[in-house]
Amino acid sequence: MFGRESAMAEPENVIIEFHRVGAYVKVSAVDPRTLTEVSIVGDPNAGEEMLARAAIRKLQYVMGRKGGGKAPVRGRTPA
């Protein structure tokens, strides 16, 4: 992939936000280049590192879907 700019979010270039909501934590991940944002909700006992990784994985999945549909949709087979 030399000479091509990847559309996928790199973990070091993602903005992560944690917001406690009752017994849960809402974690938002934003790619500042494309302004793509995703959120997950998790158990605060899971730890910030694990929750941040899960949010980044979801962001990468969503960006992959937007960038050509390469990421599969659960329960569907490609046409």
C-alpha atoms as a PDB file:
ATOM      1  CA  MET A   1       0.000   0.000   0.000  1.00  0.00           C
ATOM      2  CA  PHE A   2       2.858   2.343  -0.688  1.00  0.00           C
ATOM      3  CA  GLY A   3       1.820   5.697  -2.094  1.00  0.00           C
ATOM      4  CA  ARG A   4      -1.859   5.260  -1.153  1.00  0.00           C
ATOM      5  CA  GLU A   5      -3.570   6.958   1.740  1.00  0.00           C
ATOM      6  CA  SER A   6      -5.633   4.546   3.816  1.00  0.00           C
ATOM      7  CA  ALA A   7      -9.214   5.523   4.668  1.00  0.00           C
ATOM      8  CA  MET A   8      -9.094   3.385   7.822  1.00  0.00           C
ATOM      9  CA  ALA A   9      -8.755   5.077  11.201  1.00  0.00           C
ATOM     10  CA  GLU A  10      -5.466   4.473  12.946  1.00  0.00           C
ATOM     11  CA  PRO A  11      -5.804   4.111  16.744  1.00  0.00           C
ATOM     12  CA  GLU A  12      -3.350   6.945  17.429  1.00  0.00           C
ATOM     13  CA  ASN A  13      -5.393   9.330  15.231  1.00  0.00           C
ATOM     14  CA  VAL A  14      -8.777   8.710  16.860  1.00  0.00           C
ATOM     15  CA  ILE A  15     -10.490  10.931  19.416  1.00  0.00           C
ATOM     16  CA  ILE A  16     -11.950   8.842  22.272  1.00  0.00           C
ATOM     17  CA  GLU A  17     -14.515  10.171  24.751  1.00  0.00           C
ATOM     18  CA  PHE A  18     -15.840   8.400  27.850  1.00  0.00           C
ATOM     19  CA  HIS A  19     -19.148   9.437  29.422  1.00  0.00           C
ATOM     20  CA  ARG A  20     -20.555   7.693  32.496  1.00  0.00           C
ATOM     21  CA  VAL A  21     -24.308   7.088  32.233  1.00  0.00           C
ATOM     22  CA  GLY A  22     -25.623   5.417  35.378  1.00  0.00           C
ATOM     23  CA  ALA A  23     -24.142   1.929  35.645  1.00  0.00           C
ATOM     24  CA  TYR A  24     -22.653   2.072  32.122  1.00  0.00           C
ATOM     25  CA  VAL A  25     -20.056   4.008  30.163  1.00  0.00           C
ATOM     26  CA  LYS A  26     -20.751   5.433  26.709  1.00  0.00           C
ATOM     27  CA  VAL A  27     -17.577   5.483  24.616  1.00  0.00           C
ATOM     28  CA  SER A  28     -17.442   7.571  21.437  1.00  0.00           C
ATOM     29  CA  ALA A  29     -14.689   7.290  18.834  1.00  0.00           C
ATOM     30  CA  VAL A  30     -14.212   9.964  16.151  1.00  0.00           C
ATOM     31  CA  ASP A  31     -11.921   9.978  13.131  1.00  0.00           C
ATOM     32  CA  PRO A  32     -11.000  13.683  12.842  1.00  0.00           C
ATOM     33  CA  ARG A  33     -10.102  13.391   9.146  1.00  0.00           C
ATOM     34  CA  THR A  34     -13.482  12.063   7.960  1.00  0.00           C
ATOM     35  CA  LEU A  35     -15.571  13.186  10.970  1.00  0.00           C
ATOM     36  CA  THR A  36     -16.960   9.646  11.226  1.00  0.00           C
ATOM     37  CA  GLU A  37     -18.252   8.961  14.743  1.00  0.00           C
ATOM     38  CA  VAL A  38     -19.393   5.769  16.437  1.00  0.00           C
ATOM     39  CA  SER A  39     -20.475   4.947  19.981  1.00  0.00           C
ATOM     40  CA  ILE A  40     -20.596   1.857  22.138  1.00  0.00           C
ATOM     41  CA  VAL A  41     -21.943   1.246  25.628  1.00  0.00           C
ATOM     42  CA  GLY A  42     -20.064  -0.951  28.048  1.00  0.00           C
ATOM     43  CA  ASP A  43     -19.413  -1.983  31.615  1.00  0.00           C
ATOM     44  CA  PRO A  44     -17.090   0.450  33.417  1.00  0.00           C
ATOM     45  CA  ASN A  45     -15.411  -2.544  35.084  1.00  0.00           C
ATOM     46  CA  ALA A  46     -14.110  -3.623  31.663  1.00  0.00           C
ATOM     47  CA  GLY A  47     -11.548  -0.812  31.806  1.00  0.00           C
ATOM     48  CA  GLU A  48     -10.890   2.152  29.544  1.00  0.00           C
ATOM     49  CA  GLU A  49      -8.313   0.335  27.403  1.00  0.00           C
ATOM     50  CA  MET A  50     -10.676  -2.491  26.431  1.00  0.00           C
ATOM     51  CA  LEU A  51     -13.609  -0.137  25.842  1.00  0.00           C
ATOM     52  CA  ALA A  52     -11.446   2.172  23.709  1.00  0.00           C
ATOM     53  CA  ARG A  53     -10.228  -0.775  21.599  1.00  0.00           C
ATOM     54  CA  ALA A  54     -13.815  -1.926  21.053  1.00  0.00           C
ATOM     55  CA  ALA A  55     -14.861   1.577  19.963  1.00  0.00           C
ATOM     56  CA  ILE A  56     -11.878   1.815  17.571  1.00  0.00           C
ATOM     57  CA  ARG A  57     -12.731  -1.593  16.067  1.00  0.00           C
ATOM     58  CA  LYS A  58     -16.294  -0.417  15.470  1.00  0.00           C
ATOM     59  CA  LEU A  59     -15.021   2.821  13.912  1.00  0.00           C
ATOM     60  CA  GLN A  60     -12.738   0.866  11.585  1.00  0.00           C
ATOM     61  CA  TYR A  61     -15.639  -1.413  10.642  1.00  0.00           C
ATOM     62  CA  VAL A  62     -17.943   1.535   9.860  1.00  0.00           C
ATOM     63  CA  MET A  63     -15.248   3.308   7.860  1.00  0.00           C
ATOM     64  CA  GLY A  64     -14.576   0.094   5.933  1.00  0.00           C
ATOM     65  CA  ARG A  65     -18.269  -0.145   5.063  1.00  0.00           C
ATOM     66  CA  LYS A  66     -18.290   3.472   3.855  1.00  0.00           C
ATOM     67  CA  GLY A  67     -15.120   3.027   1.829  1.00  0.00           C
ATOM     68  CA  GLY A  68     -16.269   0.366  -0.584  1.00  0.00           C
ATOM     69  CA  GLY A  69     -18.275  -2.126   1.430  1.00  0.00           C
ATOM     70  CA  LYS A  70     -15.364  -4.478   2.111  1.00  0.00           C
ATOM     71  CA  ALA A  71     -16.412  -5.304   5.658  1.00  0.00           C
ATOM     72  CA  PRO A  72     -19.126  -7.996   5.733  1.00  0.00           C
ATOM     73  CA  VAL A  73     -22.526  -7.405   7.279  1.00  0.00           C
ATOM     74  CA  ARG A  74     -23.436 -10.063   9.820  1.00  0.00           C
ATOM     75  CA  GLY A  75     -25.955 -12.562   8.545  1.00  0.00           C
ATOM     76  CA  ARG A  76     -25.623 -11.523   4.904  1.00  0.00           C
ATOM     77  CA  THR A  77     -23.608 -12.980   2.098  1.00  0.00           C
ATOM     78  CA  PRO A  78     -22.052 -10.716  -0.541  1.00  0.00           C
ATOM     79  CA  ALA A  79     -24.069 -10.427  -3.749  1.00  0.00           C
END
